[in-house]
Amino acid sequence: MDQLPPYLPVAKWYFGRQVASPTHYFDVTKHLNNAIEAANEHETMLTNMARQVELKFQTLADNSNITIEFEKLLIKFAEKIMKSSRSKKIKGVEYAEIFRVIDDSEQIKKIVGSKER
């Protein structure tokens, strides 16, 4: 049986709603509507997110019942989430996905290079 050689990614790409110290971005302005429609297909995830927001509102003693509203209008909730989580801080880009990339390739080259000396 053939075996694959060991493999470990050299660069790690981190993303999320809030990215600490972003290093890279991709302009997603042209594709945002498609992403919103795709997110809308995840009804359970959106409903759970809406309920989390509702619980936070209740914790703040606000009697808003946003889950009912967003369960009826999940596409609007998806749009609000997608637009608010895409960075608008990139000059000349309306919506961007941001990432923090940690690339160990230069460090590995230094270590390997120092052993060869």
N, C-alpha and C. Protein backbone atom coordinates (compact mmCIF):
# COMPACT_ATOMS: atom_id res chain seq x y z
N MET A 1 0.84 -1.17 0.00
CA MET A 1 0.00 0.00 0.00
C MET A 1 0.90 1.24 0.00
N ASP A 2 0.61 2.16 -0.91
CA ASP A 2 1.36 3.41 -0.96
C ASP A 2 0.95 4.31 0.20
N GLN A 3 1.92 4.98 0.74
CA GLN A 3 1.64 5.92 1.83
C GLN A 3 2.02 7.32 1.40
N LEU A 4 1.25 8.26 1.87
CA LEU A 4 1.57 9.65 1.60
C LEU A 4 2.66 10.12 2.55
N PRO A 5 3.53 10.99 2.07
CA PRO A 5 4.56 11.51 2.98
C PRO A 5 3.92 12.43 4.03
N PRO A 6 4.58 12.62 5.17
CA PRO A 6 4.05 13.52 6.19
C PRO A 6 3.85 14.93 5.60
N TYR A 7 2.86 15.62 6.08
CA TYR A 7 2.56 16.96 5.58
C TYR A 7 2.05 17.83 6.72
N LEU A 8 2.53 19.05 6.78
CA LEU A 8 2.06 20.02 7.75
C LEU A 8 2.08 21.39 7.08
N PRO A 9 0.96 22.09 7.06
CA PRO A 9 0.94 23.41 6.42
C PRO A 9 1.96 24.35 7.06
N VAL A 10 2.63 25.12 6.23
CA VAL A 10 3.63 26.07 6.70
C VAL A 10 2.98 27.38 7.12
N ALA A 11 1.89 27.74 6.45
CA ALA A 11 1.19 28.99 6.78
C ALA A 11 -0.18 28.65 7.36
N LYS A 12 -0.56 29.41 8.38
CA LYS A 12 -1.88 29.25 8.98
C LYS A 12 -2.68 30.52 8.71
N TRP A 13 -3.90 30.36 8.21
CA TRP A 13 -4.78 31.48 7.90
C TRP A 13 -5.90 31.49 8.93
N TYR A 14 -5.98 32.56 9.73
CA TYR A 14 -7.01 32.69 10.75
C TYR A 14 -8.06 33.69 10.28
N PHE A 15 -9.32 33.36 10.49
CA PHE A 15 -10.41 34.27 10.14
C PHE A 15 -11.49 34.14 11.19
N GLY A 16 -12.42 35.05 11.18
CA GLY A 16 -13.53 35.02 12.12
C GLY A 16 -14.28 36.33 12.07
N ARG A 17 -15.23 36.48 12.96
CA ARG A 17 -15.98 37.73 12.99
C ARG A 17 -15.08 38.91 13.32
N GLN A 18 -14.18 38.71 14.25
CA GLN A 18 -13.19 39.73 14.61
C GLN A 18 -11.82 39.09 14.46
N VAL A 19 -10.98 39.67 13.64
CA VAL A 19 -9.65 39.12 13.40
C VAL A 19 -8.63 40.02 14.07
N ALA A 20 -7.83 39.44 14.96
CA ALA A 20 -6.78 40.20 15.63
C ALA A 20 -5.63 40.43 14.65
N SER A 21 -5.22 41.64 14.52
CA SER A 21 -4.07 42.03 13.67
C SER A 21 -4.15 41.43 12.27
N PRO A 22 -5.14 41.82 11.46
CA PRO A 22 -5.24 41.29 10.10
C PRO A 22 -3.98 41.57 9.28
N THR A 23 -3.62 40.61 8.45
CA THR A 23 -2.44 40.77 7.59
C THR A 23 -2.79 40.68 6.11
N HIS A 24 -3.92 40.07 5.78
CA HIS A 24 -4.32 39.87 4.39
C HIS A 24 -5.83 40.14 4.25
N TYR A 25 -6.23 40.48 3.05
CA TYR A 25 -7.66 40.63 2.78
C TYR A 25 -7.97 40.25 1.34
N PHE A 26 -9.22 39.91 1.10
CA PHE A 26 -9.72 39.65 -0.24
C PHE A 26 -10.97 40.49 -0.43
N ASP A 27 -11.04 41.17 -1.56
CA ASP A 27 -12.22 41.97 -1.89
C ASP A 27 -13.35 41.02 -2.24
N VAL A 28 -14.44 41.05 -1.47
CA VAL A 28 -15.57 40.16 -1.70
C VAL A 28 -16.83 40.94 -2.11
N THR A 29 -16.64 42.21 -2.46
CA THR A 29 -17.77 43.07 -2.79
C THR A 29 -18.64 42.45 -3.89
N LYS A 30 -18.02 41.96 -4.95
CA LYS A 30 -18.77 41.38 -6.08
C LYS A 30 -19.53 40.12 -5.70
N HIS A 31 -19.06 39.43 -4.67
CA HIS A 31 -19.62 38.13 -4.31
C HIS A 31 -20.46 38.16 -3.04
N LEU A 32 -20.64 39.33 -2.45
CA LEU A 32 -21.33 39.40 -1.17
C LEU A 32 -22.76 38.90 -1.26
N ASN A 33 -23.49 39.26 -2.31
CA ASN A 33 -24.88 38.79 -2.44
C ASN A 33 -24.96 37.28 -2.53
N ASN A 34 -24.03 36.65 -3.24
CA ASN A 34 -24.00 35.18 -3.31
C ASN A 34 -23.70 34.59 -1.94
N ALA A 35 -22.80 35.22 -1.19
CA ALA A 35 -22.46 34.74 0.15
C ALA A 35 -23.66 34.87 1.09
N ILE A 36 -24.41 35.96 0.95
CA ILE A 36 -25.60 36.16 1.78
C ILE A 36 -26.64 35.09 1.47
N GLU A 37 -26.85 34.82 0.18
CA GLU A 37 -27.81 33.78 -0.21
C GLU A 37 -27.36 32.41 0.31
N ALA A 38 -26.06 32.13 0.26
CA ALA A 38 -25.55 30.86 0.76
C ALA A 38 -25.74 30.77 2.27
N ALA A 39 -25.46 31.85 2.98
CA ALA A 39 -25.64 31.86 4.44
C ALA A 39 -27.10 31.65 4.80
N ASN A 40 -27.99 32.20 3.99
CA ASN A 40 -29.43 32.06 4.24
C ASN A 40 -29.89 30.61 4.18
N GLU A 41 -29.16 29.76 3.49
CA GLU A 41 -29.51 28.34 3.41
C GLU A 41 -29.27 27.61 4.73
N HIS A 42 -28.51 28.23 5.62
CA HIS A 42 -28.19 27.62 6.92
C HIS A 42 -29.17 28.13 7.97
N GLU A 43 -30.42 27.75 7.79
CA GLU A 43 -31.51 28.26 8.62
C GLU A 43 -31.29 27.99 10.11
N THR A 44 -30.85 26.80 10.46
CA THR A 44 -30.64 26.46 11.86
C THR A 44 -29.56 27.34 12.47
N MET A 45 -28.45 27.53 11.74
CA MET A 45 -27.36 28.36 12.24
C MET A 45 -27.86 29.80 12.46
N LEU A 46 -28.58 30.34 11.48
CA LEU A 46 -29.08 31.71 11.60
C LEU A 46 -30.06 31.86 12.75
N THR A 47 -30.95 30.89 12.89
CA THR A 47 -31.91 30.94 13.99
C THR A 47 -31.18 30.90 15.33
N ASN A 48 -30.16 30.04 15.45
CA ASN A 48 -29.39 29.96 16.68
C ASN A 48 -28.66 31.27 16.96
N MET A 49 -28.10 31.89 15.91
CA MET A 49 -27.42 33.17 16.08
C MET A 49 -28.42 34.24 16.52
N ALA A 50 -29.61 34.25 15.93
CA ALA A 50 -30.63 35.22 16.32
C ALA A 50 -31.03 35.02 17.77
N ARG A 51 -31.14 33.77 18.19
CA ARG A 51 -31.50 33.50 19.58
C ARG A 51 -30.39 33.93 20.54
N GLN A 52 -29.13 33.79 20.12
CA GLN A 52 -28.03 34.27 20.96
C GLN A 52 -28.12 35.79 21.14
N VAL A 53 -28.41 36.50 20.05
CA VAL A 53 -28.57 37.95 20.14
C VAL A 53 -29.74 38.29 21.05
N GLU A 54 -30.83 37.53 20.92
CA GLU A 54 -32.00 37.75 21.76
C GLU A 54 -31.64 37.58 23.24
N LEU A 55 -30.89 36.52 23.57
CA LEU A 55 -30.49 36.29 24.96
C LEU A 55 -29.61 37.42 25.48
N LYS A 56 -28.74 37.93 24.63
CA LYS A 56 -27.90 39.05 25.04
C LYS A 56 -28.76 40.29 25.30
N PHE A 57 -29.78 40.52 24.45
CA PHE A 57 -30.69 41.63 24.67
C PHE A 57 -31.41 41.46 26.00
N GLN A 58 -31.86 40.23 26.29
CA GLN A 58 -32.56 39.97 27.54
C GLN A 58 -31.63 40.19 28.73
N THR A 59 -30.37 39.82 28.58
CA THR A 59 -29.39 40.03 29.64
C THR A 59 -29.23 41.53 29.92
N LEU A 60 -29.37 42.33 28.89
CA LEU A 60 -29.28 43.79 29.05
C LEU A 60 -30.61 44.38 29.50
N ALA A 61 -31.58 43.53 29.84
CA ALA A 61 -32.91 43.94 30.30
C ALA A 61 -33.71 44.64 29.21
N ASP A 62 -33.43 44.32 27.97
CA ASP A 62 -34.21 44.84 26.85
C ASP A 62 -35.22 43.75 26.50
N ASN A 63 -36.48 44.06 26.45
CA ASN A 63 -37.52 43.07 26.23
C ASN A 63 -37.76 42.77 24.76
N SER A 64 -36.85 43.15 23.89
CA SER A 64 -37.02 42.88 22.46
C SER A 64 -37.06 41.38 22.20
N ASN A 65 -37.96 40.97 21.36
CA ASN A 65 -38.02 39.57 20.97
C ASN A 65 -37.62 39.50 19.50
N ILE A 66 -36.31 39.59 19.26
CA ILE A 66 -35.84 39.67 17.88
C ILE A 66 -35.91 38.33 17.16
N THR A 67 -35.94 37.22 17.89
CA THR A 67 -35.94 35.91 17.23
C THR A 67 -37.15 35.76 16.32
N ILE A 68 -38.30 36.15 16.79
CA ILE A 68 -39.51 36.03 15.97
C ILE A 68 -39.35 36.83 14.68
N GLU A 69 -38.88 38.05 14.81
CA GLU A 69 -38.69 38.90 13.63
C GLU A 69 -37.68 38.26 12.66
N PHE A 70 -36.52 37.81 13.18
CA PHE A 70 -35.49 37.28 12.30
C PHE A 70 -35.81 35.90 11.77
N GLU A 71 -36.58 35.10 12.51
CA GLU A 71 -36.97 33.81 11.98
C GLU A 71 -37.86 33.99 10.75
N LYS A 72 -38.63 35.07 10.73
CA LYS A 72 -39.48 35.35 9.56
C LYS A 72 -38.67 35.94 8.42
N LEU A 73 -37.59 36.64 8.76
CA LEU A 73 -36.80 37.35 7.77
C LEU A 73 -35.33 36.94 7.85
N LEU A 74 -35.06 35.65 7.78
CA LEU A 74 -33.69 35.18 7.94
C LEU A 74 -32.75 35.77 6.90
N ILE A 75 -33.22 35.99 5.68
CA ILE A 75 -32.34 36.56 4.65
C ILE A 75 -31.87 37.95 5.07
N LYS A 76 -32.74 38.73 5.72
CA LYS A 76 -32.34 40.06 6.19
C LYS A 76 -31.32 39.93 7.33
N PHE A 77 -31.54 38.95 8.20
CA PHE A 77 -30.60 38.71 9.29
C PHE A 77 -29.25 38.27 8.73
N ALA A 78 -29.27 37.37 7.75
CA ALA A 78 -28.03 36.91 7.10
C ALA A 78 -27.32 38.10 6.46
N GLU A 79 -28.08 38.96 5.80
CA GLU A 79 -27.48 40.13 5.15
C GLU A 79 -26.83 41.05 6.19
N LYS A 80 -27.53 41.29 7.28
CA LYS A 80 -27.02 42.17 8.33
C LYS A 80 -25.72 41.59 8.92
N ILE A 81 -25.72 40.30 9.19
CA ILE A 81 -24.53 39.65 9.75
C ILE A 81 -23.37 39.71 8.76
N MET A 82 -23.64 39.33 7.51
CA MET A 82 -22.58 39.27 6.50
C MET A 82 -21.99 40.65 6.25
N LYS A 83 -22.83 41.66 6.18
CA LYS A 83 -22.32 43.00 5.91
C LYS A 83 -21.58 43.57 7.12
N SER A 84 -22.04 43.25 8.31
CA SER A 84 -21.38 43.82 9.49
C SER A 84 -20.07 43.10 9.80
N SER A 85 -19.92 41.85 9.35
CA SER A 85 -18.69 41.11 9.68
C SER A 85 -17.63 41.23 8.59
N ARG A 86 -17.95 41.91 7.50
CA ARG A 86 -16.96 42.13 6.43
C ARG A 86 -16.34 43.49 6.63
N SER A 87 -15.04 43.54 6.67
CA SER A 87 -14.34 44.78 6.98
C SER A 87 -14.59 45.85 5.92
N LYS A 88 -14.86 47.05 6.39
CA LYS A 88 -14.99 48.20 5.50
C LYS A 88 -13.79 49.14 5.70
N LYS A 89 -12.78 48.65 6.37
CA LYS A 89 -11.63 49.48 6.69
C LYS A 89 -10.56 49.46 5.60
N ILE A 90 -10.73 48.65 4.58
CA ILE A 90 -9.76 48.56 3.51
C ILE A 90 -10.07 49.67 2.50
N LYS A 91 -9.13 50.55 2.28
CA LYS A 91 -9.36 51.68 1.39
C LYS A 91 -9.69 51.21 -0.03
N GLY A 92 -10.77 51.73 -0.57
CA GLY A 92 -11.17 51.41 -1.93
C GLY A 92 -11.92 50.09 -2.08
N VAL A 93 -12.21 49.42 -0.97
CA VAL A 93 -12.91 48.14 -1.00
C VAL A 93 -14.16 48.27 -0.14
N GLU A 94 -15.32 47.97 -0.73
CA GLU A 94 -16.55 48.09 0.04
C GLU A 94 -16.66 46.99 1.10
N TYR A 95 -16.47 45.73 0.70
CA TYR A 95 -16.53 44.61 1.63
C TYR A 95 -15.32 43.71 1.42
N ALA A 96 -14.69 43.32 2.51
CA ALA A 96 -13.50 42.48 2.41
C ALA A 96 -13.53 41.40 3.48
N GLU A 97 -13.06 40.22 3.11
CA GLU A 97 -12.80 39.17 4.09
C GLU A 97 -11.38 39.42 4.57
N ILE A 98 -11.20 39.44 5.88
CA ILE A 98 -9.88 39.70 6.42
C ILE A 98 -9.34 38.46 7.13
N PHE A 99 -8.03 38.33 7.09
CA PHE A 99 -7.36 37.17 7.67
C PHE A 99 -6.10 37.61 8.39
N ARG A 100 -5.69 36.83 9.35
CA ARG A 100 -4.36 36.97 9.93
C ARG A 100 -3.60 35.73 9.49
N VAL A 101 -2.52 35.95 8.75
CA VAL A 101 -1.73 34.84 8.24
C VAL A 101 -0.43 34.77 9.02
N ILE A 102 -0.14 33.59 9.52
CA ILE A 102 1.14 33.34 10.17
C ILE A 102 1.88 32.35 9.29
N ASP A 103 2.91 32.85 8.64
CA ASP A 103 3.66 32.06 7.66
C ASP A 103 5.04 31.77 8.25
N ASP A 104 5.32 30.52 8.49
CA ASP A 104 6.58 30.11 9.12
C ASP A 104 7.68 29.81 8.11
N SER A 105 7.45 30.04 6.82
CA SER A 105 8.42 29.62 5.81
C SER A 105 9.78 30.29 5.97
N GLU A 106 9.82 31.59 6.26
CA GLU A 106 11.11 32.28 6.43
C GLU A 106 11.85 31.75 7.65
N GLN A 107 11.14 31.51 8.72
CA GLN A 107 11.77 30.99 9.94
C GLN A 107 12.33 29.59 9.68
N ILE A 108 11.59 28.77 8.96
CA ILE A 108 12.06 27.42 8.64
C ILE A 108 13.30 27.48 7.77
N LYS A 109 13.30 28.39 6.77
CA LYS A 109 14.49 28.53 5.91
C LYS A 109 15.71 28.94 6.72
N LYS A 110 15.53 29.82 7.71
CA LYS A 110 16.65 30.25 8.56
C LYS A 110 17.17 29.08 9.38
N ILE A 111 16.27 28.29 9.93
CA ILE A 111 16.68 27.16 10.77
C ILE A 111 17.41 26.13 9.91
N VAL A 112 16.85 25.79 8.77
CA VAL A 112 17.49 24.81 7.88
C VAL A 112 18.81 25.36 7.36
N GLY A 113 18.84 26.64 7.00
CA GLY A 113 20.05 27.27 6.52
C GLY A 113 21.14 27.29 7.55
N SER A 114 20.79 27.50 8.82
CA SER A 114 21.80 27.56 9.87
C SER A 114 22.40 26.18 10.15
N LYS A 115 21.66 25.10 9.91
CA LYS A 115 22.18 23.75 10.11
C LYS A 115 23.16 23.36 9.01
N GLU A 116 22.98 23.96 7.82
CA GLU A 116 23.84 23.62 6.69
C GLU A 116 25.21 24.26 6.79
N ARG A 117 25.37 25.24 7.63
CA ARG A 117 26.64 25.96 7.74
C ARG A 117 27.65 25.21 8.54
